[in-house]
Protein backbone atom coordinates (compact mmCIF):
# COMPACT_ATOMS: atom_id res chain seq x y z
CA MET A 1 14.16 -16.22 36.92
CA ILE A 2 17.88 -15.35 37.36
CA VAL A 3 19.98 -17.73 35.29
CA ARG A 4 16.93 -19.92 35.00
CA THR A 5 16.13 -17.66 32.04
CA LEU A 6 19.48 -18.74 30.65
CA SER A 7 17.95 -21.74 28.99
CA LEU A 8 15.93 -19.38 26.76
CA ALA A 9 17.47 -15.94 26.84
CA ALA A 10 21.00 -17.19 26.39
CA LEU A 11 19.93 -18.65 23.11
CA LEU A 12 20.07 -15.19 21.55
CA LEU A 13 16.30 -14.98 21.70
CA ALA A 14 14.64 -13.01 24.47
CA THR A 15 11.40 -13.98 26.11
CA ASN A 16 8.23 -11.89 25.86
CA ALA A 17 8.22 -11.92 22.06
CA PRO A 18 5.32 -9.84 20.77
CA ALA A 19 2.20 -11.82 19.96
CA LEU A 20 1.29 -12.09 16.30
CA ALA A 21 -1.70 -10.02 15.32
CA GLN A 22 -4.84 -11.81 14.21
CA THR A 23 -5.42 -11.49 10.47
CA ASP A 24 -7.89 -12.75 7.93
CA LYS A 25 -7.23 -16.49 7.54
CA THR A 26 -7.70 -16.49 3.77
CA THR A 27 -5.27 -13.63 3.29
CA THR A 28 -2.76 -15.28 5.60
CA THR A 29 -2.98 -18.58 3.71
CA VAL A 30 -2.43 -16.87 0.35
CA GLU A 31 0.49 -14.85 1.67
CA LYS A 32 2.04 -17.95 3.23
CA LYS A 33 1.78 -19.86 -0.06
CA GLN A 34 3.38 -16.96 -1.92
CA GLU A 35 6.20 -16.86 0.61
CA ASP A 36 6.65 -20.65 0.45
CA ASP A 37 6.78 -20.54 -3.35
CA LYS A 38 9.36 -17.77 -3.19
CA GLN A 39 11.49 -19.73 -0.72
CA GLN A 40 11.48 -22.82 -2.96
CA GLN A 41 12.69 -21.05 -6.08
CA PRO A 42 16.14 -22.36 -7.13
CA LEU A 43 18.97 -20.62 -5.33
CA PRO A 44 21.61 -18.90 -7.47
CA ALA A 45 24.90 -20.55 -8.34
CA ASP A 46 27.89 -19.72 -6.14
CA LYS A 47 29.17 -16.21 -6.81
CA THR A 48 32.61 -14.73 -6.04
CA VAL A 49 33.85 -11.15 -6.21
CA THR A 50 37.17 -9.52 -5.35
CA GLN A 51 37.18 -6.91 -2.58
CA THR A 52 39.68 -5.05 -0.43
CA ALA A 53 39.67 -3.91 3.18
CA ARG A 54 42.04 -2.05 5.46
CA ILE A 55 42.82 -4.51 8.27
CA GLY A 56 45.62 -4.46 10.80
CA GLY A 57 47.19 -1.39 9.23
CA ARG A 58 47.42 -2.82 5.70
CA THR A 59 45.18 -3.25 2.68
CA ILE A 60 44.16 -6.85 2.04
CA SER A 61 42.71 -8.11 -1.24
CA TYR A 62 40.39 -11.09 -0.83
CA LYS A 63 37.70 -13.16 -2.50
CA ALA A 64 34.18 -12.90 -1.10
CA THR A 65 31.99 -15.88 -1.98
CA VAL A 66 28.33 -16.58 -1.34
CA GLY A 67 27.67 -20.26 -1.95
CA THR A 68 25.49 -23.23 -1.15
CA ILE A 69 26.17 -26.70 0.25
CA ALA A 70 23.56 -29.44 -0.08
CA VAL A 71 22.43 -31.41 2.96
CA ARG A 72 21.47 -34.99 2.15
CA ASP A 73 19.75 -37.74 4.10
CA GLU A 74 21.11 -41.26 4.55
CA LYS A 75 19.71 -42.24 1.11
CA GLY A 76 21.41 -39.35 -0.67
CA LYS A 77 18.27 -37.28 -1.15
CA GLU A 78 18.81 -33.52 -0.91
CA ILE A 79 16.78 -32.31 2.07
CA GLY A 80 18.30 -28.88 2.72
CA GLN A 81 20.54 -26.16 1.37
CA VAL A 82 23.01 -24.31 3.60
CA VAL A 83 24.15 -20.90 2.40
CA TYR A 84 27.58 -19.70 3.52
CA THR A 85 29.70 -16.58 3.10
CA ALA A 86 33.44 -17.15 2.71
CA TYR A 87 36.33 -14.67 2.68
CA THR A 88 39.59 -16.12 1.38
CA VAL A 89 42.95 -14.56 0.52
CA PRO A 90 44.12 -15.97 -2.83
CA GLY A 91 47.63 -17.26 -3.36
CA SER A 92 48.04 -18.50 0.20
CA ASP A 93 49.76 -21.80 0.89
CA ALA A 94 48.35 -24.79 2.74
CA SER A 95 49.50 -23.43 6.09
CA ARG A 96 46.95 -20.60 6.05
CA PRO A 97 44.21 -21.35 8.59
CA VAL A 98 40.50 -21.39 7.86
CA THR A 99 37.94 -20.57 10.55
CA PHE A 100 34.28 -21.66 10.46
CA ALA A 101 31.91 -19.38 12.37
CA PHE A 102 28.44 -20.10 13.77
CA ASN A 103 26.06 -17.88 15.68
CA GLY A 104 23.40 -19.23 17.95
CA GLY A 105 19.73 -18.81 18.69
CA PRO A 106 18.81 -21.48 17.82
CA GLY A 107 17.54 -19.43 14.93
CA ALA A 108 20.34 -16.90 14.43
CA ALA A 109 22.23 -16.43 11.17
CA SER A 110 25.99 -15.87 11.24
CA VAL A 111 25.72 -12.18 10.35
CA TYR A 112 26.53 -11.07 13.91
CA LEU A 113 30.01 -12.59 13.92
CA ASN A 114 30.42 -11.74 10.24
CA MET A 115 29.50 -8.06 10.21
CA GLY A 116 29.99 -7.34 13.89
CA ALA A 117 33.08 -9.18 15.06
CA VAL A 118 35.64 -10.73 12.70
CA GLY A 119 34.54 -10.30 9.08
CA PRO A 120 36.33 -7.82 6.79
CA LYS A 121 33.39 -5.39 6.81
CA ARG A 122 31.49 -4.15 9.82
CA VAL A 123 28.15 -2.45 10.41
CA GLN A 124 27.59 -0.70 13.72
CA PHE A 125 25.11 -2.31 16.10
CA GLY A 126 24.77 -3.44 19.69
CA ALA A 127 26.07 -0.35 21.54
CA GLN A 128 24.26 2.38 23.42
CA GLY A 129 23.02 5.05 20.99
CA ASP A 130 22.79 2.77 17.95
CA SER A 131 19.45 3.04 16.17
CA PRO A 132 17.57 0.69 13.80
CA SER A 133 17.19 3.59 11.37
CA ASP A 134 20.94 4.26 11.14
CA ALA A 135 22.22 3.75 7.59
CA PRO A 136 23.31 0.07 7.32
CA ILE A 137 26.63 0.91 5.68
CA ALA A 138 29.34 -1.71 6.13
CA ARG A 139 32.82 -0.26 6.49
CA ASP A 140 36.28 -1.81 6.78
CA ASN A 141 36.65 -3.67 10.06
CA PRO A 142 40.07 -2.93 11.62
CA ASN A 143 39.48 -5.83 14.03
CA SER A 144 38.79 -8.39 11.31
CA TRP A 145 40.65 -11.69 11.54
CA LEU A 146 41.09 -11.98 7.78
CA ASP A 147 44.74 -10.96 8.08
CA MET A 148 45.42 -14.18 10.01
CA THR A 149 42.81 -16.69 8.78
CA ASP A 150 40.33 -17.28 6.00
CA LEU A 151 36.74 -17.07 7.26
CA VAL A 152 33.63 -19.13 6.48
CA PHE A 153 30.34 -17.99 8.03
CA ILE A 154 27.68 -20.70 8.03
CA ASP A 155 23.93 -20.09 8.33
CA PRO A 156 22.09 -23.14 9.71
CA ILE A 157 18.85 -24.26 8.10
CA GLY A 158 16.06 -21.75 8.69
CA THR A 159 18.45 -18.82 9.11
CA GLY A 160 19.89 -16.43 6.56
CA PHE A 161 18.96 -17.81 3.14
CA SER A 162 19.51 -21.44 4.21
CA ARG A 163 16.43 -23.59 3.85
CA SER A 164 14.87 -27.00 4.28
CA LEU A 165 13.46 -28.84 1.27
CA VAL A 166 11.20 -31.18 3.27
CA ASP A 167 7.96 -30.71 5.19
CA ALA A 168 7.66 -29.23 8.68
CA ASP A 169 7.78 -32.53 10.58
CA ALA A 170 10.77 -33.81 8.62
CA THR A 171 12.48 -30.43 8.99
CA LYS A 172 12.14 -30.50 12.75
CA LYS A 173 13.48 -34.05 12.92
CA ALA A 174 16.41 -33.43 10.58
CA PHE A 175 17.44 -29.91 11.60
CA TYR A 176 15.68 -28.44 14.65
CA ALA A 177 17.11 -30.44 17.53
CA ASN A 178 20.41 -30.45 19.39
CA ASP A 179 21.94 -33.68 18.06
CA PRO A 180 20.85 -33.54 14.37
CA ASP A 181 22.04 -29.91 14.27
CA ILE A 182 25.57 -30.98 15.25
CA LYS A 183 25.70 -33.84 12.75
CA TYR A 184 24.62 -31.97 9.62
CA LEU A 185 26.62 -28.81 10.41
CA SER A 186 29.75 -30.88 11.00
CA LYS A 187 29.19 -32.47 7.59
CA VAL A 188 28.80 -29.00 6.06
CA VAL A 189 32.23 -28.04 7.43
CA TYR A 190 33.72 -31.21 5.93
CA ASP A 191 31.97 -30.67 2.58
CA TRP A 192 33.34 -27.11 2.32
CA LEU A 193 36.87 -28.31 3.04
CA VAL A 194 36.61 -30.95 0.32
CA LYS A 195 34.92 -28.58 -2.12
CA GLU A 196 37.67 -25.96 -1.71
CA GLY A 197 40.59 -28.39 -1.34
CA ARG A 198 41.43 -27.19 2.16
CA LEU A 199 41.73 -30.41 4.16
CA ARG A 200 45.45 -29.73 4.72
CA SER A 201 44.84 -26.28 6.22
CA PRO A 202 44.83 -25.63 9.99
CA LYS A 203 41.15 -25.58 10.93
CA TYR A 204 39.32 -23.63 13.64
CA VAL A 205 35.69 -23.40 14.73
CA MET A 206 34.14 -20.32 16.34
CA GLY A 207 30.70 -20.25 17.94
CA GLU A 208 28.76 -17.49 19.69
CA SER A 209 25.99 -18.01 22.28
CA TYR A 210 24.21 -21.23 21.25
CA GLY A 211 27.01 -21.41 18.71
CA GLY A 212 29.18 -21.90 21.80
CA TYR A 213 27.07 -24.97 22.54
CA ARG A 214 27.69 -26.10 18.95
CA ALA A 215 31.44 -25.47 18.72
CA PRO A 216 32.84 -28.13 21.11
CA ARG A 217 30.29 -30.69 19.95
CA ILE A 218 31.15 -30.01 16.29
CA ALA A 219 34.85 -30.32 17.17
CA TYR A 220 34.35 -33.75 18.71
CA GLU A 221 32.02 -34.90 15.91
CA LEU A 222 34.57 -33.84 13.28
CA GLN A 223 37.42 -35.42 15.19
CA SER A 224 35.85 -38.72 16.18
CA GLN A 225 33.22 -39.40 13.49
CA ILE A 226 34.00 -37.51 10.29
CA GLY A 227 37.79 -37.58 10.48
CA VAL A 228 38.82 -33.92 10.61
CA GLY A 229 41.02 -32.58 13.40
CA LEU A 230 40.77 -28.98 14.58
CA SER A 231 43.68 -26.80 15.64
CA GLY A 232 41.51 -24.70 17.89
CA LEU A 233 38.13 -23.62 19.21
CA ILE A 234 36.89 -20.11 20.00
CA MET A 235 33.71 -19.83 22.05
CA VAL A 236 32.18 -16.35 22.21
CA SER A 237 29.74 -15.71 25.09
CA PRO A 238 28.98 -19.42 25.01
CA TYR A 239 25.93 -21.28 26.25
CA LEU A 240 28.06 -24.13 27.51
CA ASP A 241 26.19 -25.92 30.27
CA PRO A 242 22.38 -25.75 30.02
CA ALA A 243 22.03 -27.75 33.21
CA ALA A 244 23.97 -25.25 35.35
CA GLY A 245 21.38 -22.48 35.18
CA ASN A 246 18.35 -24.72 34.97
CA ASP A 247 15.69 -24.50 37.68
CA ALA A 248 15.21 -28.25 37.90
CA THR A 249 16.48 -28.24 41.49
CA ALA A 250 15.70 -25.86 44.31
CA LEU A 251 18.84 -26.89 46.19
CA SER A 252 21.60 -25.59 43.94
CA PRO A 253 23.03 -22.10 44.61
CA LEU A 254 24.49 -22.03 41.07
CA PRO A 255 21.76 -19.90 39.43
CA TRP A 256 22.26 -17.15 42.03
CA MET A 257 26.06 -17.44 41.86
CA ILE A 258 26.27 -17.27 38.06
CA GLY A 259 24.33 -14.03 37.65
CA LEU A 260 25.66 -11.92 40.51
CA PRO A 261 29.14 -11.07 39.13
CA SER A 262 27.70 -9.72 35.86
CA MET A 263 25.20 -7.58 37.78
CA ALA A 264 28.08 -6.26 39.86
CA ALA A 265 30.15 -5.59 36.73
CA ALA A 266 27.34 -3.52 35.24
CA ASN A 267 27.04 -1.52 38.45
CA LEU A 268 30.81 -0.94 38.61
CA GLU A 269 30.86 0.15 34.97
CA ARG A 270 28.11 2.72 35.56
CA LYS A 271 30.24 4.17 38.36
CA GLY A 272 33.45 4.10 36.28
CA GLN A 273 35.01 1.54 38.62
CA LEU A 274 35.08 -1.62 36.49
CA THR A 275 38.55 -3.19 36.64
CA PRO A 276 39.85 -6.78 36.66
CA ALA A 277 40.99 -6.24 40.25
CA ALA A 278 37.53 -5.12 41.35
CA MET A 279 35.95 -8.10 39.61
CA ALA A 280 38.43 -10.49 41.23
CA GLU A 281 37.05 -9.39 44.61
CA VAL A 282 33.47 -9.90 43.40
CA GLU A 283 34.28 -13.39 42.14
CA ALA A 284 36.02 -14.32 45.39
CA TYR A 285 32.99 -13.21 47.42
CA THR A 286 30.58 -15.03 45.10
CA ARG A 287 32.28 -18.41 45.34
CA GLY A 288 33.05 -17.93 49.02
CA ASP A 289 30.95 -16.11 51.62
CA PHE A 290 27.96 -15.56 49.30
CA THR A 291 27.58 -19.27 48.58
CA ARG A 292 28.13 -20.31 52.19
CA ASP A 293 25.54 -17.82 53.44
CA LEU A 294 23.02 -18.95 50.82
CA LEU A 295 23.40 -22.54 51.95
CA LEU A 296 22.90 -21.59 55.60
CA GLY A 297 19.34 -20.66 54.65
CA ARG A 298 16.70 -18.30 56.02
CA ALA A 299 16.89 -19.70 59.55
CA ASN A 300 20.28 -18.02 59.97
CA THR A 301 19.20 -14.38 60.13
CA GLU A 302 22.77 -13.10 60.28
CA ALA A 303 23.62 -14.92 57.05
CA VAL A 304 20.51 -13.50 55.38
CA GLN A 305 21.46 -9.96 56.37
CA ARG A 306 25.01 -10.43 55.11
CA VAL A 307 23.67 -11.57 51.75
CA VAL A 308 21.21 -8.67 51.55
CA SER A 309 23.84 -6.11 52.49
CA ASN A 310 26.42 -7.38 50.00
CA VAL A 311 24.01 -7.88 47.13
CA THR A 312 22.66 -4.35 47.64
CA ARG A 313 26.20 -2.95 47.55
CA LEU A 314 27.24 -4.98 44.51
CA THR A 315 24.15 -4.43 42.35
CA GLY A 316 23.23 -0.86 43.25
CA LEU A 317 19.58 -1.86 43.69
CA ASP A 318 17.14 -0.42 46.22
CA PRO A 319 17.92 -1.94 49.65
CA ALA A 320 14.23 -2.51 50.40
CA LEU A 321 13.82 -4.50 47.19
CA VAL A 322 16.87 -6.67 47.92
CA GLN A 323 15.61 -7.22 51.47
CA ARG A 324 12.22 -8.41 50.20
CA MET A 325 13.97 -10.85 47.88
CA GLY A 326 16.29 -12.17 50.57
CA GLY A 327 19.30 -11.16 48.47
CA ARG A 328 18.27 -13.57 45.71
CA VAL A 329 17.85 -11.14 42.83
CA ASP A 330 16.87 -12.69 39.50
CA ILE A 331 18.04 -11.29 36.18
CA ARG A 332 14.64 -10.03 35.03
CA THR A 333 14.10 -8.11 38.24
CA PHE A 334 17.57 -6.60 38.02
CA LEU A 335 17.03 -5.41 34.43
CA ARG A 336 13.60 -4.02 35.31
CA GLU A 337 14.56 -2.22 38.50
CA VAL A 338 18.09 -0.93 37.97
CA HIS A 339 16.89 1.61 35.38
CA ARG A 340 13.30 2.12 36.58
CA ASN A 341 13.86 5.69 37.83
CA ASP A 342 14.69 6.93 34.33
CA ALA A 343 11.88 4.92 32.64
CA THR A 344 14.27 2.81 30.60
CA ILE A 345 14.98 -0.89 30.54
CA GLY A 346 18.30 -2.69 30.14
CA SER A 347 19.12 -5.52 27.77
CA ILE A 348 19.83 -9.02 29.02
CA TYR A 349 22.75 -9.00 26.57
CA ASP A 350 24.26 -5.86 28.11
CA SER A 351 22.33 -4.28 30.96
CA ASN A 352 23.99 -0.92 30.34
CA VAL A 353 22.52 -0.77 26.84
CA THR A 354 19.09 0.69 27.49
CA ALA A 355 16.00 1.86 25.63
CA PHE A 356 12.86 3.69 26.70
CA ASP A 357 10.43 1.33 28.38
CA PRO A 358 7.20 1.42 26.32
CA PHE A 359 5.24 0.26 29.38
CA PRO A 360 7.00 1.89 32.35
CA TRP A 361 4.06 1.48 34.76
CA SER A 362 3.68 -2.24 34.27
CA PRO A 363 4.94 -4.42 37.12
CA GLN A 364 6.60 -6.71 34.56
CA GLN A 365 8.44 -6.14 31.30
CA GLU A 366 5.91 -6.06 28.47
CA SER A 367 8.33 -5.55 25.56
CA ASN A 368 10.95 -7.61 23.80
CA ASP A 369 14.63 -7.18 24.65
CA PRO A 370 15.69 -3.65 23.59
CA LEU A 371 19.04 -4.65 22.14
CA LEU A 372 17.68 -7.69 20.35
CA ASP A 373 14.96 -5.70 18.61
CA SER A 374 17.32 -2.89 17.62
CA LEU A 375 19.92 -4.99 15.83
CA ILE A 376 17.62 -6.83 13.40
CA ALA A 377 17.31 -3.89 11.00
CA PRO A 378 20.99 -2.96 10.57
CA THR A 379 22.23 -6.55 10.34
CA THR A 380 19.53 -7.70 7.92
CA SER A 381 19.79 -4.67 5.64
CA ALA A 382 23.59 -4.71 5.59
CA MET A 383 23.82 -8.43 4.85
CA VAL A 384 21.17 -8.47 2.12
CA ASP A 385 22.76 -5.42 0.51
CA PHE A 386 26.16 -7.15 0.56
CA VAL A 387 24.89 -10.46 -0.82
CA THR A 388 22.57 -9.14 -3.54
CA ARG A 389 24.19 -5.86 -4.60
CA GLU A 390 27.92 -6.23 -3.89
CA VAL A 391 28.40 -9.92 -4.55
CA GLY A 392 25.53 -10.11 -7.04
CA TRP A 393 24.03 -13.33 -5.63
CA LYS A 394 20.50 -12.42 -6.64
CA THR A 395 17.51 -13.87 -4.83
CA ASP A 396 14.18 -12.52 -3.64
CA ALA A 397 13.90 -15.10 -0.85
CA ARG A 398 13.58 -13.72 2.64
CA TYR A 399 16.74 -13.37 4.72
CA ASN A 400 16.30 -14.41 8.37
CA ALA A 401 18.88 -12.77 10.61
CA LEU A 402 16.93 -14.14 13.56
CA SER A 403 14.11 -16.66 13.21
CA TYR A 404 11.65 -16.91 16.09
CA ALA A 405 9.96 -19.77 14.21
CA VAL A 406 13.12 -21.88 14.31
CA ASN A 407 13.61 -21.12 18.00
CA ALA A 408 10.01 -22.06 18.82
CA ALA A 409 10.28 -25.33 16.88
CA TRP A 410 13.58 -26.37 18.46
CA ASP A 411 13.73 -29.59 20.46
CA ARG A 412 16.24 -28.85 23.25
CA GLY A 413 16.01 -32.24 24.89
CA GLN A 414 17.03 -32.57 28.53
CA PRO A 415 19.44 -29.97 29.97
CA ALA A 416 22.89 -31.57 30.09
CA ASP A 417 26.57 -30.70 30.07
CA THR A 418 27.19 -32.42 26.70
CA PRO A 419 29.20 -29.48 25.26
CA VAL A 420 31.58 -29.57 28.23
CA SER A 421 31.88 -33.36 28.06
CA ASP A 422 32.62 -33.25 24.33
CA LEU A 423 35.10 -30.43 24.90
CA ARG A 424 36.97 -32.50 27.48
CA LYS A 425 37.12 -35.51 25.16
CA ALA A 426 38.26 -33.47 22.15
CA ILE A 427 41.04 -31.81 24.14
CA ALA A 428 42.15 -35.10 25.67
CA ASN A 429 42.34 -36.71 22.22
CA ASP A 430 44.46 -33.94 20.67
CA PRO A 431 47.32 -32.45 22.74
CA LYS A 432 47.86 -29.72 20.13
CA MET A 433 44.31 -28.35 20.02
CA ARG A 434 43.87 -25.05 21.83
CA VAL A 435 40.70 -23.47 23.20
CA MET A 436 39.71 -19.90 24.02
CA ILE A 437 36.48 -18.89 25.77
CA VAL A 438 35.62 -15.18 25.72
CA HIS A 439 32.90 -13.14 27.41
CA GLY A 440 31.76 -9.61 28.16
CA TRP A 441 31.59 -8.60 31.81
CA ASP A 442 28.01 -7.24 31.51
CA ASP A 443 26.36 -10.20 29.77
CA LEU A 444 23.43 -11.60 31.74
CA SER A 445 22.22 -14.00 29.03
CA CYS A 446 25.39 -16.12 29.13
CA PRO A 447 27.24 -14.82 32.21
CA PHE A 448 31.01 -15.17 32.22
CA PHE A 449 31.06 -16.65 35.71
CA ALA A 450 29.45 -19.87 34.47
CA SER A 451 32.43 -20.41 32.18
CA ARG A 452 34.81 -19.46 34.98
CA LEU A 453 33.38 -22.19 37.19
CA ILE A 454 33.37 -24.73 34.35
CA VAL A 455 36.99 -24.08 33.38
CA ASP A 456 38.12 -24.27 37.00
CA GLN A 457 36.63 -27.76 37.27
CA MET A 458 38.31 -29.09 34.12
CA PRO A 459 41.56 -31.10 34.15
CA ALA A 460 44.82 -29.32 33.32
CA PHE A 461 45.46 -31.60 30.32
CA GLY A 462 49.20 -31.31 30.90
CA VAL A 463 49.61 -27.68 29.78
CA ALA A 464 48.83 -24.45 31.59
CA GLU A 465 45.76 -22.71 30.12
CA ARG A 466 44.88 -25.33 27.52
CA VAL A 467 41.49 -23.67 27.92
CA GLN A 468 41.94 -19.89 28.12
CA LEU A 469 39.21 -17.66 29.52
CA ARG A 470 39.22 -13.96 28.65
CA VAL A 471 36.65 -11.35 29.72
CA TYR A 472 36.31 -7.89 28.15
CA PRO A 473 34.28 -4.73 28.78
CA GLY A 474 30.85 -5.01 27.21
CA GLY A 475 28.10 -7.58 27.04
CA HIS A 476 27.08 -10.58 24.97
CA MET A 477 28.37 -8.83 21.83
CA PHE A 478 31.30 -7.13 23.52
CA TYR A 479 32.99 -6.85 20.11
CA SER A 480 30.60 -4.01 19.28
CA ARG A 481 32.98 -1.94 21.40
CA THR A 482 36.07 -1.25 19.29
CA ASP A 483 38.55 -1.60 22.15
CA SER A 484 37.11 -4.93 23.26
CA GLY A 485 37.11 -6.19 19.68
CA ALA A 486 40.79 -5.26 19.39
CA SER A 487 41.65 -7.06 22.63
CA PHE A 488 39.74 -10.12 21.45
CA LYS A 489 41.70 -10.17 18.20
CA ALA A 490 45.05 -9.75 19.98
CA ASP A 491 44.32 -12.68 22.29
CA ALA A 492 43.19 -14.83 19.36
CA ALA A 493 46.27 -13.93 17.31
CA ALA A 494 48.48 -15.34 20.05
CA MET A 495 46.51 -18.58 19.91
CA TYR A 496 46.69 -18.82 16.11
CA ARG A 497 50.45 -18.27 16.18
């Protein structure tokens, strides 16, 4: 399914989720009622504590706040409660920026950007060798952005401790669809700014994965409907154009084009040969001879053999396999076959992060994504420990770092390039707004080459690199690698300045 899997896997939720075991219906009903009752208990009042962290070579004292913002319908009725985590440096003037951060899914809490990328504390996850049973101890994050901006991490309804207060049908209509999601989250950003008296501050929005779908749409909604202008956008491994990798047409070469460079990057990295210069050659081939030969079709046997030969060389796969597939290697096949000889399987988020394959003799993958499964434990434990023990925001409600239920209920509508269209309009409306898109070379869930092609088709908007694209070693969560996280911060610092 090459990038055709993008429309699901890129949403920070892998396919092949384990089936739920059958249980006694009476027991299940009782347990569900108990869980529902627990979820509807009143949430605690906002709580703030003072903490310190060593960031950028100096010790920073900051306020850590866990708080709630009400979501109301058009009649003013409270229908949901969004829980956020904010880190602010006291005593700062109005010129200090504030950055709002969203993860994706749909169904992912903001813990990944918070405790993996830019928050003041960091728990290790997402790299080869990390284990779910590792102690979930959050330590100072040297790559935190708190030394250059205040940070607000927002958990959409159904993730983290955020919750709906209406029934399932009303919840889906109000929260679990592309357009309503943008509208209520944009209002949450506005409500926080008013609540904290920060409307005069420079404002930025960061989104990862499906959060990268959200970010440009939130920017345009804030700008054109709510009345809040943003100074900048940061899109991390974004799911920008659902239509590009969709399998609605058999004519487009885009799905094959988008995935190949990231497969090649993974192969180069395994051989210790991954460099920007090497990837420039891969990109040139992909948008040149590879695409032309694909369009010539199977009737041109010379073109077919050129594709097979080059794809074999770039991916490191078995030549016989590539020959059988006519050089059109989908992402699932690549992940399954590139590590088959050592009985492991790679992650769609970084194919060089592997785990033992629990079903190595099966012709198809029978397990969930190895990286996705391994990061739930450290992120959940670390975040709940921080919220309940360190901050003292006490609740016994369940924390959802990643909700499969939200993802399953989500109404995605028709695949469209709405994020890119809204991004164009927001940039055109504000000549001072800056944009940075960042990726990891090895990411096959939201491959960097899709963003490369999108950016290259956008207008210049009068200034060189109004939309910057940066690619770092690593995968979907490249920031789990310390060096890549440092490079990401350095590039962002230049934009914030």
